[in-house]
Amino acid sequence: MDEKRGKKTWVSMKFPASNKLSSLVSSINRNASIGMKPYIIPNSEEKIKAIEALGFNKDEDPKCVYCGEEMTCWDHLNSMTLGSKETEFITSISNAVPSCLPCNTGRGNIPYALWLRTGEKRAAYIRDEKKVNIENVIKKIDKYIEWSDEEIQKGNWVPYKADINRIIYEDEELVKLKQKYDSLKDEIIDLLKHASKIGEKIRERITKTSYPNYHKKGLESNKSLEKLKSNLTEEDLQPLRQIVDQFTSVKTLEEIYELKIEYNKLLKQAINRQLR
């Protein structure tokens, strides 16, 4: 057995998370934000122009810009949301690149360069640098963005940004509509949170009644993890606190994800030290 892919690797993999209605809250916030943004559907000529600007032949099926496999979808190059907050980016051909489903799903809203370099959630074949030159891929995308900016300035290309907040708050009618929109969204979220609490009580009661031994084991397992976290030494906690403090000053997606990766790495190392 390959030591790198041995028992320790798959045993430590996360088990499917429990579905909770409360987990839909971030999704609702995200989609509510996206729902207000311009959605500019490209025509065939614009799609061909984008493909050629990325170095693909229009007479051949384009490949995923990240891994070189068959293209099966388009991927937003710049995410339209940052957590529950909206960004200035919209859906248009200048904010989309050909992708495959594994890369699109794995990348999520992580900035493309950071995702490609760190390897977090990358499709398996991208990890083989003999097959995919990651730095060349990043240069190709960077070059495409520069080309897009130049074409947009000339008026020859579709914009990929919109100052949504400025447009709304300069129009009195739009302000009222936005307030109503947010109010309805908040009502839905409050109802979901209430329903989630009821659902958790129902699930716990059913689990406890039908599978008493597993229910007890699950509670003990959760308590064990919390105990490990609560027993971290001051030496372990200090670098974690320093990372948390930095979150208040970050402004870009790259900085946020770099801090998240570093925080999780340090937390994992601290817990592993307790288990030795």
Protein backbone atom coordinates (compact mmCIF):
# COMPACT_ATOMS: atom_id res chain seq x y z
CA MET A 1 0.00 0.00 0.00
CA ASP A 2 1.22 3.49 -0.89
CA GLU A 3 2.24 5.08 2.41
CA LYS A 4 0.98 8.48 1.27
CA ARG A 5 -2.45 7.01 0.59
CA GLY A 6 -2.51 4.52 3.45
CA LYS A 7 -4.86 3.99 6.34
CA LYS A 8 -4.07 7.25 8.13
CA THR A 9 -5.15 9.26 5.08
CA TRP A 10 -8.60 7.78 4.53
CA VAL A 11 -9.36 7.23 8.21
CA SER A 12 -8.84 10.95 8.88
CA MET A 13 -11.14 12.02 6.05
CA LYS A 14 -14.23 13.95 7.14
CA PHE A 15 -17.46 11.96 7.33
CA PRO A 16 -20.51 13.46 5.50
CA ALA A 17 -21.81 16.35 7.57
CA SER A 18 -25.27 16.29 9.10
CA ASN A 19 -27.70 18.27 7.00
CA LYS A 20 -29.25 21.16 8.90
CA LEU A 21 -31.72 23.77 7.74
CA SER A 22 -29.52 26.38 9.38
CA SER A 23 -26.76 25.56 6.89
CA LEU A 24 -28.99 27.01 4.18
CA VAL A 25 -28.71 30.49 5.69
CA SER A 26 -25.36 31.28 4.04
CA SER A 27 -26.66 29.87 0.77
CA ILE A 28 -29.75 32.11 0.96
CA ASN A 29 -27.64 35.19 1.69
CA ARG A 30 -25.33 34.34 -1.17
CA ASN A 31 -28.08 33.72 -3.71
CA ALA A 32 -30.04 36.76 -2.56
CA SER A 33 -26.97 38.87 -3.32
CA ILE A 34 -26.37 37.21 -6.69
CA GLY A 35 -30.06 37.52 -7.58
CA MET A 36 -29.78 41.32 -7.83
CA LYS A 37 -26.75 41.34 -10.10
CA PRO A 38 -26.73 41.79 -13.87
CA TYR A 39 -26.76 38.50 -15.80
CA ILE A 40 -25.44 39.14 -19.30
CA ILE A 41 -25.94 36.15 -21.59
CA PRO A 42 -23.19 35.98 -24.23
CA ASN A 43 -23.85 35.29 -27.90
CA SER A 44 -21.87 32.79 -29.99
CA GLU A 45 -19.45 35.41 -31.30
CA GLU A 46 -18.56 36.54 -27.75
CA LYS A 47 -17.99 32.96 -26.62
CA ILE A 48 -15.66 32.35 -29.56
CA LYS A 49 -13.80 35.60 -28.84
CA ALA A 50 -13.23 34.54 -25.22
CA ILE A 51 -12.08 31.04 -26.19
CA GLU A 52 -9.58 32.40 -28.73
CA ALA A 53 -8.28 34.98 -26.23
CA LEU A 54 -7.46 32.07 -23.91
CA GLY A 55 -5.44 30.40 -26.68
CA PHE A 56 -7.95 27.74 -27.74
CA ASN A 57 -8.91 26.92 -31.36
CA LYS A 58 -12.53 27.85 -32.09
CA ASP A 59 -12.81 24.86 -34.46
CA GLU A 60 -11.96 22.40 -31.68
CA ASP A 61 -13.71 21.64 -28.41
CA PRO A 62 -12.16 23.93 -25.75
CA LYS A 63 -10.56 22.40 -22.67
CA CYS A 64 -10.81 23.23 -18.98
CA VAL A 65 -8.53 26.23 -18.46
CA TYR A 66 -7.31 24.81 -15.12
CA CYS A 67 -6.50 21.17 -15.88
CA GLY A 68 -6.75 20.68 -19.65
CA GLU A 69 -9.48 18.05 -19.46
CA GLU A 70 -12.71 18.25 -21.47
CA MET A 71 -14.75 21.40 -20.85
CA THR A 72 -18.17 20.66 -19.35
CA CYS A 73 -19.18 24.06 -17.94
CA TRP A 74 -18.22 27.72 -17.47
CA ASP A 75 -16.69 28.89 -14.21
CA HIS A 76 -16.90 32.38 -12.67
CA LEU A 77 -13.34 33.67 -12.74
CA ASN A 78 -14.06 36.15 -9.94
CA SER A 79 -16.55 35.16 -7.25
CA MET A 80 -19.72 37.23 -7.00
CA THR A 81 -19.81 36.89 -3.22
CA LEU A 82 -17.31 36.92 -0.36
CA GLY A 83 -18.95 34.84 2.35
CA SER A 84 -22.40 36.44 2.70
CA LYS A 85 -21.19 39.77 1.27
CA GLU A 86 -21.40 40.69 -2.36
CA THR A 87 -18.46 41.66 -4.54
CA GLU A 88 -18.44 43.97 -7.55
CA PHE A 89 -18.29 41.07 -10.04
CA ILE A 90 -21.22 39.96 -12.21
CA THR A 91 -22.08 37.11 -14.57
CA SER A 92 -20.78 37.89 -18.05
CA ILE A 93 -18.52 36.25 -20.61
CA SER A 94 -15.56 38.36 -19.44
CA ASN A 95 -15.95 36.87 -15.95
CA ALA A 96 -16.18 33.27 -17.13
CA VAL A 97 -13.66 30.67 -18.28
CA PRO A 98 -14.13 27.15 -19.68
CA SER A 99 -13.91 24.55 -16.93
CA CYS A 100 -14.68 20.97 -16.04
CA LEU A 101 -17.11 20.11 -13.24
CA PRO A 102 -14.46 18.76 -10.78
CA CYS A 103 -12.41 21.97 -11.05
CA ASN A 104 -15.48 24.21 -10.89
CA THR A 105 -16.84 22.41 -7.83
CA GLY A 106 -13.47 22.01 -6.11
CA ARG A 107 -12.46 25.61 -6.54
CA GLY A 108 -15.70 27.12 -5.24
CA ASN A 109 -15.01 30.84 -4.67
CA ILE A 110 -11.32 30.42 -3.82
CA PRO A 111 -9.15 32.78 -5.94
CA TYR A 112 -7.84 30.76 -8.88
CA ALA A 113 -4.11 31.37 -8.29
CA LEU A 114 -4.30 30.47 -4.59
CA TRP A 115 -6.39 27.37 -5.34
CA LEU A 116 -4.02 26.14 -8.02
CA ARG A 117 -0.91 26.72 -5.89
CA THR A 118 -2.13 25.37 -2.54
CA GLY A 119 -3.78 22.26 -3.94
CA GLU A 120 -6.79 22.62 -1.63
CA LYS A 121 -9.74 20.72 -3.20
CA ARG A 122 -8.01 20.53 -6.57
CA ALA A 123 -9.01 17.80 -8.98
CA ALA A 124 -6.63 14.85 -8.66
CA TYR A 125 -5.04 15.27 -12.09
CA ILE A 126 -3.99 18.87 -11.37
CA ARG A 127 -1.77 17.58 -8.59
CA ASP A 128 0.37 15.91 -11.24
CA GLU A 129 2.59 18.84 -12.23
CA LYS A 130 4.09 16.75 -15.05
CA LYS A 131 0.69 16.94 -16.73
CA VAL A 132 -0.31 20.48 -15.73
CA ASN A 133 2.15 23.35 -15.37
CA ILE A 134 0.37 25.35 -12.69
CA GLU A 135 2.36 28.56 -13.14
CA ASN A 136 1.72 28.52 -16.89
CA VAL A 137 -2.00 28.13 -16.24
CA ILE A 138 -1.96 31.12 -13.86
CA LYS A 139 -0.04 33.23 -16.41
CA LYS A 140 -2.57 32.32 -19.11
CA ILE A 141 -5.50 33.43 -16.93
CA ASP A 142 -3.68 36.60 -15.82
CA LYS A 143 -3.00 37.43 -19.46
CA TYR A 144 -6.66 36.88 -20.32
CA ILE A 145 -7.73 39.31 -17.56
CA GLU A 146 -5.30 41.94 -18.87
CA TRP A 147 -6.68 41.46 -22.39
CA SER A 148 -10.26 41.77 -21.07
CA ASP A 149 -9.46 45.02 -19.25
CA GLU A 150 -7.90 46.52 -22.39
CA GLU A 151 -10.87 45.49 -24.56
CA ILE A 152 -13.38 46.84 -22.00
CA GLN A 153 -11.59 50.21 -21.94
CA LYS A 154 -11.85 50.34 -25.74
CA GLY A 155 -15.56 49.55 -25.53
CA ASN A 156 -15.07 46.26 -27.41
CA TRP A 157 -15.83 43.81 -24.60
CA VAL A 158 -18.48 43.04 -22.00
CA PRO A 159 -17.80 44.46 -18.49
CA TYR A 160 -17.38 42.06 -15.59
CA LYS A 161 -17.94 44.56 -12.75
CA ALA A 162 -20.85 46.69 -11.58
CA ASP A 163 -21.09 49.15 -8.71
CA ILE A 164 -24.39 47.70 -7.45
CA ASN A 165 -24.57 49.69 -4.21
CA ARG A 166 -23.94 53.04 -5.90
CA ILE A 167 -26.60 52.34 -8.54
CA ILE A 168 -29.16 51.34 -5.90
CA TYR A 169 -28.57 54.21 -3.50
CA GLU A 170 -28.72 56.83 -6.25
CA ASP A 171 -32.24 55.69 -7.15
CA GLU A 172 -34.93 56.25 -4.52
CA GLU A 173 -37.25 53.60 -5.94
CA LEU A 174 -34.44 51.02 -5.99
CA VAL A 175 -33.64 51.81 -2.35
CA LYS A 176 -37.23 50.96 -1.34
CA LEU A 177 -37.20 47.77 -3.41
CA LYS A 178 -33.86 46.73 -1.86
CA GLN A 179 -35.24 47.29 1.65
CA LYS A 180 -38.27 45.12 0.85
CA TYR A 181 -36.02 42.49 -0.72
CA ASP A 182 -33.81 42.33 2.40
CA SER A 183 -36.82 42.25 4.71
CA LEU A 184 -38.34 39.23 2.93
CA LYS A 185 -34.98 37.47 2.91
CA ASP A 186 -34.56 38.02 6.67
CA GLU A 187 -38.06 36.62 7.30
CA ILE A 188 -37.17 33.45 5.39
CA ILE A 189 -33.92 33.07 7.35
CA ASP A 190 -35.69 33.52 10.71
CA LEU A 191 -38.24 30.85 9.76
CA LEU A 192 -35.44 28.49 8.70
CA LYS A 193 -33.59 28.98 11.98
CA HIS A 194 -36.74 28.25 13.95
CA ALA A 195 -37.52 25.17 11.84
CA SER A 196 -33.91 23.99 12.24
CA LYS A 197 -34.16 23.96 16.03
CA ILE A 198 -37.36 21.91 15.85
CA GLY A 199 -35.79 19.54 13.31
CA GLU A 200 -32.76 18.94 15.54
CA LYS A 201 -35.03 18.00 18.46
CA ILE A 202 -36.96 15.56 16.25
CA ARG A 203 -33.76 13.98 14.90
CA GLU A 204 -32.21 13.60 18.34
CA ARG A 205 -35.38 12.02 19.72
CA ILE A 206 -35.61 9.53 16.83
CA THR A 207 -31.90 8.67 17.07
CA LYS A 208 -32.05 8.22 20.83
CA THR A 209 -35.15 6.00 20.59
CA SER A 210 -34.05 3.85 17.64
CA TYR A 211 -30.28 3.68 18.12
CA PRO A 212 -29.52 4.37 21.80
CA ASN A 213 -25.98 2.95 21.70
CA TYR A 214 -24.93 4.90 18.63
CA HIS A 215 -26.54 8.05 19.97
CA LYS A 216 -24.47 7.78 23.16
CA LYS A 217 -21.31 7.01 21.19
CA GLY A 218 -21.88 10.05 18.97
CA LEU A 219 -22.29 12.34 21.97
CA GLU A 220 -19.12 10.96 23.55
CA SER A 221 -17.19 11.46 20.31
CA ASN A 222 -18.28 15.11 20.07
CA LYS A 223 -17.37 15.66 23.73
CA SER A 224 -13.92 14.14 23.14
CA LEU A 225 -13.15 16.56 20.33
CA GLU A 226 -14.36 19.54 22.36
CA LYS A 227 -12.26 18.33 25.29
CA LEU A 228 -9.16 18.21 23.11
CA LYS A 229 -9.78 21.78 21.95
CA SER A 230 -10.42 23.00 25.50
CA ASN A 231 -7.15 21.44 26.72
CA LEU A 232 -4.93 23.37 24.32
CA THR A 233 -2.02 25.02 26.07
CA GLU A 234 -1.32 28.75 26.05
CA GLU A 235 1.61 28.02 23.76
CA ASP A 236 -0.81 26.45 21.26
CA LEU A 237 -3.47 29.15 21.62
CA GLN A 238 -1.22 32.17 21.14
CA PRO A 239 -0.48 31.68 17.39
CA LEU A 240 -4.16 30.82 16.81
CA ARG A 241 -5.25 34.09 18.45
CA GLN A 242 -2.76 36.02 16.34
CA ILE A 243 -4.32 34.61 13.17
CA VAL A 244 -7.85 35.44 14.39
CA ASP A 245 -6.75 39.02 15.08
CA GLN A 246 -5.52 39.34 11.49
CA PHE A 247 -8.97 38.56 10.07
CA THR A 248 -10.17 42.07 10.98
CA SER A 249 -7.68 43.73 8.64
CA VAL A 250 -7.78 41.47 5.55
CA LYS A 251 -9.44 42.81 2.41
CA THR A 252 -8.97 40.17 -0.29
CA LEU A 253 -10.11 36.58 -0.80
CA GLU A 254 -6.49 35.49 -1.13
CA GLU A 255 -5.64 36.81 2.35
CA ILE A 256 -8.73 35.21 3.91
CA TYR A 257 -8.06 31.76 2.51
CA GLU A 258 -4.37 31.89 3.34
CA LEU A 259 -5.27 32.68 6.97
CA LYS A 260 -7.88 29.89 7.05
CA ILE A 261 -5.36 27.36 5.75
CA GLU A 262 -2.74 28.47 8.29
CA TYR A 263 -5.25 28.43 11.18
CA ASN A 264 -6.51 24.91 10.38
CA LYS A 265 -2.94 23.66 10.01
CA LEU A 266 -1.89 25.03 13.40
CA LEU A 267 -5.05 23.73 15.10
CA LYS A 268 -4.51 20.26 13.66
CA GLN A 269 -0.87 20.25 14.80
CA ALA A 270 -1.89 21.32 18.31
CA ILE A 271 -4.51 18.57 18.63
CA ASN A 272 -2.10 15.95 17.26
CA ARG A 273 0.43 16.93 19.94
CA GLN A 274 -2.17 16.12 22.61
CA LEU A 275 -2.82 12.71 21.09
CA ARG A 276 0.82 11.63 21.21
